[in-house]
Amino acid sequence: MTHDGNRRESLVPDDAATEQAADDLCEAARILNHVTAESAGLAGPATVYGVMGAIATVASRFDQTLQQLDQFLSREHREHRLAHDHGALEEVMDAYGRATLHARHLTSGLSEAARQAQESINYVHGITPSEDAGPPVSREVAPEPGAAPGVTRRCRGARLKRFHGRGKGA
C-alpha cells in the first residue's frame, strides 16, 4: 500500500488488504525507530512534538481496531463458526476477550501518556549556536564542610564580618 501525500487509497476490505495494512503499520514503526535513532532524524523539539502527537493518535485509534477484532471473533463464536484444535474454545475465547480488553486499556493509557508528554514540551524550542552560552553557571559557592544547610562560605564570611565588626571593641 503506497500513499501519495495525504491522498487516501480506497481499500476494498478483504483479508489481503487487512493483512497488508497491519504489515504496513509494522513497517512504519520499524522505519520510525530507525530514523529517530539517527541525529539527523530529530532536528529539533518540534520533531519530537510531532512524533509524540502521532504516537498518541495512533494509540487512540488502536482501540477501535481491537474492538473490531474482538467483535468479529465474538460474532463468529456466537454463530458457531469457530473451533479450537485442543478443545476448550470457550476458555480460549474468554482469555482472548480479557486480553483484548487489557490491550485496549493499555493503548488508551499509551495515548494519554503520549499526549501528556507532547503537551509538556509544547513551549520547548531549540536554540541556535549563537544563542547557546552553554549550561547556566551557578554563582553559588559550595558550602563549607560541616556548615549548616543553606549557609555558603560567602554567606558565612558576611555574617562573621558583620558580627565581628559590630561586636565588642568596635
Protein backbone atom coordinates (compact mmCIF):
# COMPACT_ATOMS: atom_id res chain seq x y z
CA MET A 1 0.00 0.00 0.00
CA THR A 2 1.53 3.29 -1.03
CA HIS A 3 0.37 6.71 -0.03
CA ASP A 4 0.87 9.83 -2.13
CA GLY A 5 0.94 12.78 0.26
CA ASN A 6 -2.35 12.98 2.15
CA ARG A 7 -4.32 11.14 -0.54
CA ARG A 8 -6.06 8.14 0.96
CA GLU A 9 -6.39 4.98 -1.04
CA SER A 10 -9.78 3.43 -1.15
CA LEU A 11 -9.38 -0.03 0.23
CA VAL A 12 -11.52 -2.93 -0.77
CA PRO A 13 -11.90 -4.65 2.57
CA ASP A 14 -10.66 -8.20 2.27
CA ASP A 15 -8.20 -10.31 4.23
CA ALA A 16 -5.30 -9.34 1.97
CA ALA A 17 -5.93 -5.60 2.48
CA THR A 18 -6.29 -6.10 6.24
CA GLU A 19 -3.06 -8.06 6.49
CA GLN A 20 -1.27 -5.53 4.25
CA ALA A 21 -2.43 -2.65 6.46
CA ALA A 22 -1.10 -4.49 9.54
CA ASP A 23 2.21 -5.18 7.76
CA ASP A 24 2.45 -1.52 6.72
CA LEU A 25 1.88 -0.49 10.33
CA CYS A 26 4.73 -2.74 11.48
CA GLU A 27 6.99 -1.38 8.76
CA ALA A 28 6.11 2.22 9.64
CA ALA A 29 7.05 1.57 13.28
CA ARG A 30 10.34 -0.03 12.19
CA ILE A 31 11.15 2.95 9.96
CA LEU A 32 10.25 5.41 12.73
CA ASN A 33 12.56 3.55 15.13
CA HIS A 34 15.33 3.69 12.54
CA VAL A 35 15.04 7.40 11.67
CA THR A 36 14.74 8.53 15.29
CA ALA A 37 17.92 6.61 16.15
CA GLU A 38 19.90 8.95 13.87
CA SER A 39 20.62 12.51 14.98
CA ALA A 40 19.60 13.78 11.54
CA GLY A 41 16.16 12.24 12.09
CA LEU A 42 15.48 14.51 15.04
CA ALA A 43 16.37 18.05 14.05
CA GLY A 44 14.66 19.70 17.00
CA PRO A 45 11.97 19.64 19.65
CA ALA A 46 9.27 20.31 17.05
CA THR A 47 10.01 16.92 15.50
CA VAL A 48 9.70 15.22 18.89
CA TYR A 49 6.45 17.11 19.47
CA GLY A 50 5.06 15.91 16.13
CA VAL A 51 6.11 12.31 16.65
CA MET A 52 4.60 12.23 20.15
CA GLY A 53 1.35 13.56 18.71
CA ALA A 54 1.34 10.88 16.03
CA ILE A 55 2.02 8.17 18.63
CA ALA A 56 -0.88 9.47 20.74
CA THR A 57 -3.19 9.47 17.73
CA VAL A 58 -2.18 6.01 16.54
CA ALA A 59 -2.57 4.58 20.04
CA SER A 60 -6.05 6.06 20.35
CA ARG A 61 -7.02 4.51 17.02
CA PHE A 62 -5.93 1.07 18.15
CA ASP A 63 -8.91 0.95 20.49
CA GLN A 64 -11.27 0.82 17.52
CA THR A 65 -9.19 -1.84 15.77
CA LEU A 66 -9.00 -4.00 18.88
CA GLN A 67 -12.73 -3.62 19.47
CA GLN A 68 -13.50 -4.60 15.87
CA LEU A 69 -11.25 -7.66 16.06
CA ASP A 70 -12.93 -8.71 19.30
CA GLN A 71 -16.41 -8.16 17.87
CA PHE A 72 -15.59 -10.22 14.81
CA LEU A 73 -14.32 -13.22 16.76
CA SER A 74 -17.17 -12.96 19.27
CA ARG A 75 -19.72 -12.96 16.46
CA GLU A 76 -18.02 -15.91 14.77
CA HIS A 77 -18.03 -17.75 18.09
CA ARG A 78 -21.73 -17.00 18.78
CA GLU A 79 -22.63 -18.26 15.32
CA HIS A 80 -20.64 -21.47 15.91
CA ARG A 81 -18.13 -20.84 13.12
CA LEU A 82 -15.02 -21.36 15.24
CA ALA A 83 -13.24 -24.41 16.57
CA HIS A 84 -10.09 -24.95 18.58
CA ASP A 85 -7.53 -27.65 17.85
CA HIS A 86 -7.15 -28.55 21.50
CA GLY A 87 -10.73 -28.45 22.71
CA ALA A 88 -11.71 -25.75 25.19
CA LEU A 89 -12.82 -22.98 22.79
CA GLU A 90 -14.93 -21.26 25.47
CA GLU A 91 -11.90 -20.84 27.75
CA VAL A 92 -9.77 -19.60 24.86
CA MET A 93 -12.39 -17.03 23.86
CA ASP A 94 -12.72 -15.84 27.46
CA ALA A 95 -8.94 -15.44 27.70
CA TYR A 96 -8.91 -13.65 24.34
CA GLY A 97 -11.64 -11.25 25.46
CA ARG A 98 -9.81 -10.42 28.69
CA ALA A 99 -6.51 -9.93 26.88
CA THR A 100 -8.13 -7.73 24.24
CA LEU A 101 -9.79 -5.60 26.91
CA HIS A 102 -6.44 -5.28 28.67
CA ALA A 103 -4.79 -4.24 25.39
CA ARG A 104 -7.49 -1.61 24.87
CA HIS A 105 -6.81 -0.19 28.34
CA LEU A 106 -3.07 -0.13 27.66
CA THR A 107 -3.48 1.64 24.32
CA SER A 108 -5.72 4.18 26.00
CA GLY A 109 -3.02 4.73 28.62
CA LEU A 110 -0.34 5.00 25.94
CA SER A 111 -2.40 7.54 24.05
CA GLU A 112 -2.99 9.63 27.15
CA ALA A 113 0.65 9.46 28.28
CA ALA A 114 1.98 10.34 24.82
CA ARG A 115 -0.44 13.28 24.61
CA GLN A 116 0.70 14.48 28.06
CA ALA A 117 4.34 14.15 27.00
CA GLN A 118 3.58 16.13 23.86
CA GLU A 119 1.76 18.85 25.79
CA SER A 120 4.58 19.10 28.33
CA ILE A 121 7.06 20.13 25.62
CA ASN A 122 4.67 22.49 23.84
CA TYR A 123 6.85 25.57 24.52
CA VAL A 124 10.24 23.86 24.29
CA HIS A 125 12.33 25.02 21.35
CA GLY A 126 15.85 24.66 20.11
CA ILE A 127 18.35 27.49 20.21
CA THR A 128 20.84 28.45 17.54
CA PRO A 129 24.55 28.02 18.30
CA SER A 130 24.91 31.81 18.70
CA GLU A 131 22.28 31.74 21.44
CA ASP A 132 23.99 28.86 23.20
CA ALA A 133 26.07 30.22 26.03
CA GLY A 134 26.48 26.75 27.49
CA PRO A 135 24.78 25.47 30.60
CA PRO A 136 23.76 28.03 33.21
CA VAL A 137 26.64 28.75 35.57
CA SER A 138 25.83 28.67 39.24
CA ARG A 139 27.16 31.66 41.14
CA GLU A 140 26.61 29.91 44.43
CA VAL A 141 29.70 28.95 46.38
CA ALA A 142 29.81 25.39 47.67
CA PRO A 143 29.08 25.04 51.39
CA GLU A 144 31.94 24.63 53.78
CA PRO A 145 32.21 21.11 55.21
CA GLY A 146 30.21 20.97 58.42
CA ALA A 147 28.36 24.22 57.66
CA ALA A 148 24.69 24.48 58.45
CA PRO A 149 22.46 23.61 55.48
CA GLY A 150 21.98 26.56 53.15
CA VAL A 151 24.96 28.52 54.52
CA THR A 152 27.72 29.04 51.97
CA ARG A 153 31.26 30.27 52.54
CA ARG A 154 30.30 33.64 51.10
CA CYS A 155 27.27 33.85 53.40
CA ARG A 156 29.25 32.69 56.43
CA GLY A 157 32.01 35.22 55.73
CA ALA A 158 29.50 38.06 55.51
CA ARG A 159 27.94 37.01 58.80
CA LEU A 160 31.33 36.83 60.51
CA LYS A 161 32.32 40.29 59.25
CA ARG A 162 29.06 41.77 60.44
CA PHE A 163 29.30 40.02 63.78
CA HIS A 164 32.93 40.90 64.42
CA GLY A 165 32.58 44.42 63.04
CA ARG A 166 29.77 45.22 65.47
CA GLY A 167 30.98 43.18 68.36
CA LYS A 168 32.99 44.21 71.42
CA GLY A 169 35.52 46.89 70.79
CA ALA A 170 34.03 48.00 67.52
